[in-house]
């Protein structure tokens, strides 16, 4: 077949953009890099976490409110005041004042001793610290024997014969000085008293009174009051 060269070629008709979209031209998907993926995933993860934290902060009470509630729980409940409690408080305060007045320290009366007797008292105290405790022979063997000292009299007794591996025997070498013998640790000479008349024969500078065990409470009070007037020290004072 022969083609006519005189025929003009037909130009292609261009469709508008709206028609192209209607036809449904598929756009090529863009490739996402690994860096973009990481950023997107990190953003997606952080966004909901923030929302949760905000919700928790809103739900949690403030520290000041929590502390006030705890303090209120820890504080012990004060009991309701009973009838007559004010009177008891007044009585207790009055008793405390009286006790304070009674507890005021007053130095005890001391004897007027010579220099020699005071030195002998010190020497006696030093010797007594070193003195052994004298116990009865075989006090550790039999419970019925007891520890109270008794002189050993057995024919074959090793303690009587002063064997070295036996205990010490009470002898005159352990006695206290003659000037301080029989004196109270304070330095007074003790005098037994059973009534107020016995106080009149006591020298308050060197002697002190010791009330007898058989004396009753009434006579004891009288003796102590009378001794305070005369300036005599009572060694076994109770009131």
Foldseek 3Di string as FASTA:
>chain_A
DDDDPVDDDDDDDDDDPVVVVVVPDDDDDDDDDPVVVVVVVVVVVVVVVVVVVVVVVVVDDDPVVVVVVVVVVPDDDDDDDDPPPVVVVVVVVVVVVVVVVVPDDDDDDAADDDPVLVVLLVVQVVLVVVDDQQFDPCCVPDVVRHGDHDQDDDPPDPQNVPDPPDDDDDDPVSDGDPSNPCADSRQAHEDEDAAQVVLVPDDQNHHAYEYDPPHDDVRLVVNVVSCVVVVHHYPPDDD
